[in-house]
Amino acid sequence: MKWEEFLRKFSDRPLFHSSMLRIFDDDWAHIQIQLTRWSKTGKITQIRRGWYLIEKPYYQNNIPFPIIANQVVHPSYISLEWALQYYQMIPESVPHLTSITTTRRTEFVFKNRLFIYHFIQPSLFTGYLQEKYESQPIFIAYPEKALFDKIYLFTRQEKFSIDWLRELRLQNLEDFNLVRFQSYLTKTKKPGLHKAIKLAAHFIKELQS
């Protein structure tokens, strides 16, 4: 597997997993050697455990960070702080990528960006959609689910309070769907979460009025 041969097949999909290289006839040991060589020369960069990105000027398509977040941990969707700022529901810009997954919690740093994945119970792995981000599809939580996930994770460790919710400085809630927000409670029986979501819904309704 030579560099030119590799590029002919992968320059248009610069984000790849090493297992995809089994399409070549080379034995696995040789493929691993090539990946190490190309990493050392800056042609590719390892993101985490088997995932790599072809570097400039060798790729044809730019890969935004949210695409990377979706791909390298599966299943996952973007949620929490990054989604809240994407929908302009909080005033802060959030540089790190926050995602939800049904696998174990994990995080890694790539190109000075922190990628964080929080575990959620499988029944709550819902409430996301496919959006276009820089002309490419990403899986991201609905605005209501992004806030629901935020409260869900907080109530696993702390007692919910309206003061905590105020500290988020929520904004642009005119189209926030309170029915959808509370509908996710049908997926869980956690009493603390039920109470927190209902309190949050009442607080948001007052902000909308």
Protein backbone atom coordinates (compact mmCIF):
# COMPACT_ATOMS: atom_id res chain seq x y z
CA MET A 1 0.00 0.00 0.00
CA LYS A 2 1.74 3.12 -1.26
CA TRP A 3 0.72 6.68 -0.40
CA GLU A 4 -0.50 7.44 -3.94
CA GLU A 5 -2.56 4.25 -4.00
CA PHE A 6 -4.07 5.11 -0.62
CA LEU A 7 -4.97 8.67 -1.71
CA ARG A 8 -6.76 7.49 -4.82
CA LYS A 9 -9.26 5.73 -2.59
CA PHE A 10 -9.37 8.01 0.47
CA SER A 11 -8.64 11.64 -0.50
CA ASP A 12 -12.38 12.29 -0.81
CA ARG A 13 -13.07 10.79 2.65
CA PRO A 14 -10.17 12.02 4.79
CA LEU A 15 -11.66 10.78 8.06
CA PHE A 16 -11.10 7.04 8.18
CA HIS A 17 -10.66 4.07 10.48
CA SER A 18 -7.69 1.78 10.07
CA SER A 19 -10.01 -1.20 9.56
CA MET A 20 -11.11 0.37 6.27
CA LEU A 21 -7.64 -0.27 4.89
CA ARG A 22 -8.30 -3.99 4.72
CA ILE A 23 -9.47 -3.34 1.16
CA PHE A 24 -5.77 -3.34 0.24
CA ASP A 25 -3.89 -6.59 -0.30
CA ASP A 26 -1.12 -5.74 2.19
CA ASP A 27 -0.86 -7.73 5.39
CA TRP A 28 -2.05 -6.00 8.54
CA ALA A 29 1.42 -5.52 10.00
CA HIS A 30 2.54 -3.61 6.90
CA ILE A 31 -0.56 -1.41 7.01
CA GLN A 32 0.21 -0.51 10.64
CA ILE A 33 3.80 0.35 9.69
CA GLN A 34 2.57 2.63 6.91
CA LEU A 35 0.14 4.40 9.23
CA THR A 36 2.96 5.05 11.69
CA ARG A 37 5.21 6.39 8.94
CA TRP A 38 2.57 8.68 7.52
CA SER A 39 1.73 9.96 11.00
CA LYS A 40 5.39 10.82 11.65
CA THR A 41 5.66 12.72 8.36
CA GLY A 42 2.45 14.69 9.03
CA LYS A 43 0.47 13.23 6.16
CA ILE A 44 -2.14 11.89 8.56
CA THR A 45 -2.97 12.50 12.22
CA GLN A 46 -4.32 9.93 14.64
CA ILE A 47 -7.46 11.11 16.39
CA ARG A 48 -7.97 8.17 18.74
CA ARG A 49 -7.82 4.35 18.70
CA GLY A 50 -7.76 3.55 15.00
CA TRP A 51 -9.26 6.80 13.72
CA TYR A 52 -7.15 9.03 11.46
CA LEU A 53 -7.50 12.23 9.47
CA ILE A 54 -5.65 12.99 6.24
CA GLU A 55 -3.94 16.36 6.54
CA LYS A 56 -3.61 19.25 4.09
CA PRO A 57 -2.89 19.41 1.18
CA TYR A 58 -3.83 15.80 0.52
CA TYR A 59 -7.57 15.75 1.17
CA GLN A 60 -10.39 17.00 -1.05
CA ASN A 61 -13.05 17.66 1.58
CA ASN A 62 -12.71 19.53 4.84
CA ILE A 63 -14.00 17.64 7.87
CA PRO A 64 -15.56 19.91 10.55
CA PHE A 65 -15.10 19.01 14.20
CA PRO A 66 -18.78 18.04 14.71
CA ILE A 67 -18.42 15.42 11.95
CA ILE A 68 -15.41 13.99 13.75
CA ALA A 69 -17.36 13.97 17.02
CA ASN A 70 -20.15 11.92 15.42
CA GLN A 71 -17.91 9.44 13.68
CA VAL A 72 -15.18 8.42 16.10
CA VAL A 73 -17.52 7.31 18.90
CA HIS A 74 -20.56 5.37 17.79
CA PRO A 75 -23.38 5.63 18.55
CA SER A 76 -23.38 9.29 19.55
CA TYR A 77 -25.04 12.60 18.86
CA ILE A 78 -23.97 16.14 19.74
CA SER A 79 -25.82 17.64 22.69
CA LEU A 80 -25.39 19.61 25.93
CA GLU A 81 -23.33 22.82 25.83
CA TRP A 82 -22.22 22.63 22.21
CA ALA A 83 -25.77 22.07 20.98
CA LEU A 84 -27.14 24.81 23.25
CA GLN A 85 -24.71 27.34 21.79
CA TYR A 86 -25.39 26.04 18.27
CA TYR A 87 -29.05 26.93 18.78
CA GLN A 88 -28.01 30.23 20.45
CA MET A 89 -29.77 29.21 23.64
CA ILE A 90 -26.80 30.27 25.76
CA PRO A 91 -24.64 33.37 25.23
CA GLU A 92 -21.25 31.67 25.51
CA SER A 93 -19.27 30.22 22.65
CA VAL A 94 -18.38 26.60 23.44
CA PRO A 95 -15.09 25.41 21.89
CA HIS A 96 -15.25 21.81 23.11
CA LEU A 97 -17.51 19.21 21.50
CA THR A 98 -20.06 17.67 23.88
CA SER A 99 -21.85 14.49 22.89
CA ILE A 100 -24.15 11.81 24.25
CA THR A 101 -23.46 8.09 23.84
CA THR A 102 -24.69 4.76 25.16
CA THR A 103 -21.11 3.54 25.51
CA ARG A 104 -18.91 4.46 28.45
CA ARG A 105 -17.96 8.06 29.16
CA THR A 106 -14.80 9.08 27.35
CA GLU A 107 -12.91 12.14 26.20
CA PHE A 108 -9.92 13.01 24.06
CA VAL A 109 -8.16 16.05 22.65
CA PHE A 110 -7.64 16.59 18.93
CA LYS A 111 -6.14 19.76 17.42
CA ASN A 112 -6.53 21.55 20.76
CA ARG A 113 -10.25 20.71 20.92
CA LEU A 114 -11.69 18.66 23.75
CA PHE A 115 -14.20 16.01 22.68
CA ILE A 116 -16.37 14.79 25.58
CA TYR A 117 -18.86 11.91 25.46
CA HIS A 118 -21.32 11.42 28.32
CA PHE A 119 -23.15 8.16 28.94
CA ILE A 120 -26.93 8.12 28.90
CA GLN A 121 -29.26 5.20 29.54
CA PRO A 122 -30.20 3.56 26.20
CA SER A 123 -33.90 4.37 26.54
CA LEU A 124 -33.01 8.08 26.49
CA PHE A 125 -30.80 7.82 23.42
CA THR A 126 -33.37 9.69 21.35
CA GLY A 127 -34.42 13.23 20.52
CA TYR A 128 -31.83 14.04 17.89
CA LEU A 129 -31.99 14.87 14.21
CA GLN A 130 -29.74 15.11 11.20
CA GLU A 131 -28.69 18.68 10.40
CA LYS A 132 -26.45 20.18 7.74
CA TYR A 133 -23.27 21.68 9.16
CA GLU A 134 -20.96 23.25 6.59
CA SER A 135 -22.89 21.30 3.94
CA GLN A 136 -22.28 17.99 5.72
CA PRO A 137 -24.71 15.96 7.85
CA ILE A 138 -24.35 15.79 11.62
CA PHE A 139 -26.49 14.16 14.29
CA ILE A 140 -27.41 16.72 16.93
CA ALA A 141 -29.98 16.89 19.70
CA TYR A 142 -33.14 18.92 19.30
CA PRO A 143 -32.90 22.12 21.41
CA GLU A 144 -35.25 20.59 23.96
CA LYS A 145 -33.25 17.37 24.22
CA ALA A 146 -29.96 19.26 24.56
CA LEU A 147 -31.32 20.95 27.69
CA PHE A 148 -32.97 17.73 28.89
CA ASP A 149 -29.62 15.94 28.60
CA LYS A 150 -27.92 18.74 30.51
CA ILE A 151 -30.40 18.45 33.37
CA TYR A 152 -30.26 14.64 33.25
CA LEU A 153 -26.49 14.62 33.76
CA PHE A 154 -26.62 17.27 36.47
CA THR A 155 -29.28 15.47 38.51
CA ARG A 156 -27.20 12.29 38.49
CA GLN A 157 -24.69 14.09 40.72
CA GLU A 158 -26.47 17.07 42.30
CA LYS A 159 -29.88 18.25 43.44
CA PHE A 160 -31.59 20.37 40.80
CA SER A 161 -32.43 23.99 41.56
CA ILE A 162 -33.81 26.91 39.60
CA ASP A 163 -30.75 28.92 40.63
CA TRP A 164 -28.58 26.41 38.76
CA LEU A 165 -30.85 26.73 35.73
CA ARG A 166 -30.62 30.53 35.87
CA GLU A 167 -26.84 30.27 35.77
CA LEU A 168 -27.11 28.79 32.28
CA ARG A 169 -28.51 32.17 31.14
CA LEU A 170 -30.94 30.58 28.72
CA GLN A 171 -32.10 32.79 25.86
CA ASN A 172 -34.01 32.68 22.56
CA LEU A 173 -36.65 30.36 23.98
CA GLU A 174 -39.59 31.61 21.90
CA ASP A 175 -39.78 28.40 19.89
CA PHE A 176 -38.73 26.06 22.69
CA ASN A 177 -41.26 23.22 22.66
CA LEU A 178 -42.27 22.43 26.22
CA VAL A 179 -44.34 19.41 25.15
CA ARG A 180 -41.34 17.86 23.42
CA PHE A 181 -39.09 18.79 26.36
CA GLN A 182 -41.28 16.91 28.84
CA SER A 183 -42.07 14.02 26.50
CA TYR A 184 -38.66 12.45 27.13
CA LEU A 185 -39.76 11.73 30.69
CA THR A 186 -41.77 8.81 29.32
CA LYS A 187 -38.41 7.09 28.69
CA THR A 188 -37.31 7.11 32.34
CA LYS A 189 -38.73 6.58 35.82
CA LYS A 190 -36.14 8.59 37.77
CA PRO A 191 -38.21 10.66 40.23
CA GLY A 192 -35.54 13.32 40.69
CA LEU A 193 -35.32 13.89 36.97
CA HIS A 194 -39.10 14.07 36.62
CA LYS A 195 -39.26 16.75 39.29
CA ALA A 196 -36.37 18.70 37.76
CA ILE A 197 -37.80 18.70 34.24
CA LYS A 198 -41.21 19.82 35.45
CA LEU A 199 -39.66 22.66 37.45
CA ALA A 200 -37.55 23.64 34.45
CA ALA A 201 -40.60 23.57 32.17
CA HIS A 202 -42.49 25.90 34.52
CA PHE A 203 -39.49 28.26 34.65
CA ILE A 204 -39.16 28.34 30.85
CA LYS A 205 -42.91 28.89 30.41
CA GLU A 206 -42.63 31.98 32.58
CA LEU A 207 -39.73 33.24 30.46
CA GLN A 208 -41.80 32.71 27.32
CA SER A 209 -44.81 34.62 28.62
